[in-house]
Protein backbone atom coordinates (compact mmCIF):
# COMPACT_ATOMS: atom_id res chain seq x y z
CA LEU A 1 67.04 15.73 -62.40
CA ALA A 2 69.82 13.54 -63.87
CA LYS A 3 68.41 10.51 -61.66
CA MET A 4 64.86 11.15 -62.58
CA LYS A 5 65.89 10.78 -66.67
CA GLU A 6 67.55 7.68 -65.57
CA ILE A 7 64.50 6.31 -64.59
CA ILE A 8 62.44 7.39 -67.40
CA LYS A 9 64.92 6.16 -69.76
CA ALA A 10 64.92 2.37 -67.85
CA LYS A 11 61.35 2.10 -67.82
CA GLY A 12 61.83 3.15 -71.96
CA GLY A 13 59.93 6.88 -71.70
CA LYS A 14 60.94 9.70 -73.87
CA ILE A 15 62.64 12.56 -72.04
CA PHE A 16 60.88 15.84 -73.38
CA SER A 17 62.15 19.59 -72.82
CA SER A 18 59.11 20.98 -70.20
CA ALA A 19 58.98 23.59 -73.43
CA GLN A 20 57.69 20.65 -75.33
CA ILE A 21 54.88 19.88 -72.82
CA LYS A 22 51.88 21.38 -74.04
CA GLU A 23 49.80 23.63 -71.42
CA ALA A 24 46.44 22.65 -69.94
CA PRO A 25 43.60 24.92 -71.45
CA TYR A 26 42.60 25.83 -67.95
CA LYS A 27 45.18 27.46 -64.94
CA LEU A 28 44.51 29.05 -61.96
CA GLN A 29 47.10 30.69 -59.81
CA VAL A 30 46.88 30.13 -56.16
CA ILE A 31 48.37 33.07 -54.09
CA SER A 32 49.30 34.09 -50.63
CA LYS A 33 47.11 35.89 -48.17
CA TYR A 34 49.74 36.90 -46.19
CA ASP A 35 53.38 38.09 -46.10
CA GLY A 36 55.83 35.57 -44.80
CA GLU A 37 57.87 32.27 -45.24
CA ILE A 38 57.03 28.82 -46.64
CA GLY A 39 56.54 26.61 -43.71
CA ILE A 40 54.96 23.43 -44.76
CA ILE A 41 54.44 22.30 -48.68
CA ASN A 42 52.06 19.13 -48.09
CA VAL A 43 53.28 16.91 -51.21
CA ALA A 44 50.31 14.53 -50.43
CA LEU A 45 47.84 16.68 -50.70
CA LEU A 46 49.01 18.58 -53.75
CA ASN A 47 49.25 14.80 -55.14
CA ARG A 48 45.37 14.85 -54.47
CA LEU A 49 44.88 18.56 -55.78
CA ALA A 50 46.84 17.48 -59.05
CA ARG A 51 44.18 14.04 -59.54
CA ILE A 52 41.37 16.42 -58.49
CA ALA A 53 42.66 18.84 -61.48
CA GLY A 54 42.64 15.48 -63.83
CA ALA A 55 45.98 14.12 -63.70
CA PRO A 56 47.54 11.56 -64.72
CA ALA A 57 44.78 10.96 -66.81
CA ASN A 58 44.70 13.99 -68.56
CA GLN A 59 48.39 14.67 -69.46
CA THR A 60 48.04 18.71 -69.23
CA ALA A 61 46.64 18.56 -65.63
CA GLY A 62 48.40 19.13 -62.79
CA VAL A 63 49.91 21.32 -60.16
CA MET A 64 52.75 23.66 -60.34
CA LEU A 65 54.69 24.64 -57.57
CA LEU A 66 56.64 28.02 -57.63
CA VAL A 67 57.82 28.42 -54.24
CA SER A 68 59.72 26.55 -51.98
CA GLN A 69 60.12 25.12 -48.17
CA GLY A 70 61.63 28.19 -46.20
CA GLN A 71 61.45 31.06 -49.19
CA LYS A 72 60.01 34.46 -48.00
CA ILE A 73 56.94 35.24 -49.59
CA ARG A 74 54.95 38.67 -50.05
CA LYS A 75 50.80 38.78 -50.15
CA ASN A 76 49.58 38.16 -53.53
CA GLN A 77 52.42 36.16 -54.81
CA GLY A 78 51.88 33.05 -56.72
CA MET A 79 52.49 29.78 -54.41
CA PHE A 80 51.26 27.43 -56.94
CA VAL A 81 49.67 27.06 -60.12
CA ILE A 82 46.51 24.47 -60.70
CA HIS A 83 46.35 22.79 -64.62
CA ALA A 84 43.12 21.36 -65.72
CA GLU A 85 41.53 20.67 -69.20
CA SER A 86 38.06 21.54 -68.17
CA GLY A 87 36.67 24.46 -65.65
CA LEU A 88 34.69 22.13 -63.97
CA LYS A 89 37.54 20.12 -62.73
CA LEU A 90 39.94 23.23 -62.32
CA LYS A 91 36.80 24.60 -59.85
CA ALA A 92 37.05 21.50 -57.87
CA ALA A 93 40.62 21.37 -57.54
CA TYR A 94 40.77 25.06 -56.72
CA ASP A 95 37.87 24.55 -54.24
CA PHE A 96 40.25 21.77 -52.43
CA ALA A 97 43.04 23.67 -52.03
CA LEU A 98 41.20 26.50 -50.30
CA LYS A 99 39.89 24.05 -47.82
CA ASN A 100 42.90 22.36 -47.03
CA ASP A 101 45.91 24.67 -47.64
CA PRO A 102 48.70 22.33 -48.90
CA VAL A 103 51.06 25.07 -48.45
CA GLU A 104 50.90 26.95 -45.44
CA LEU A 105 53.20 29.81 -44.22
CA GLU A 106 55.34 29.26 -40.96
CA LYS A 107 52.83 30.00 -38.15
CA VAL A 108 54.76 32.74 -35.77
CA VAL A 109 54.26 33.25 -32.03
CA LEU A 110 54.30 37.03 -31.32
CA GLU A 111 53.83 36.92 -27.63
CA LYS A 112 53.47 34.17 -25.06
CA PHE A 113 50.90 34.21 -22.16
CA ARG A 114 52.45 32.86 -18.77
C-alpha cells in the first residue's frame, strides 16, 4: 500500500480514502457454489471482467475481490463483487464471470484408480 501511494504521488495523483470513493449504481456479488478452498485467482480474467463492467472509463466500475488464494470458503459465500454504471454492463460482466470462472476452487482428488 505504501509503494502504491508513492507511485500515485510521483504521477501527480491524489490519494483518497476508500470511504471517499463513490459506489456504482449497479453491483452484484458472485458467490461460491461449493464449500472449498480458493485455488486460482486469475487476475487477467478479473481485469477483463472489470473492463466489461466499464472500467476504467466509468470511475465507479470494477471488481472488488472478497477472498484470497488459499482461503477456505463456504457454499454461498461471496467471492467478488462486480460494480457497473449500467444494468446492461453489469449483466455482460456477470455472464462473462459465469462462463470464465476467474476465481476457482482447489480441485480435490477423492480417489485414484490404477
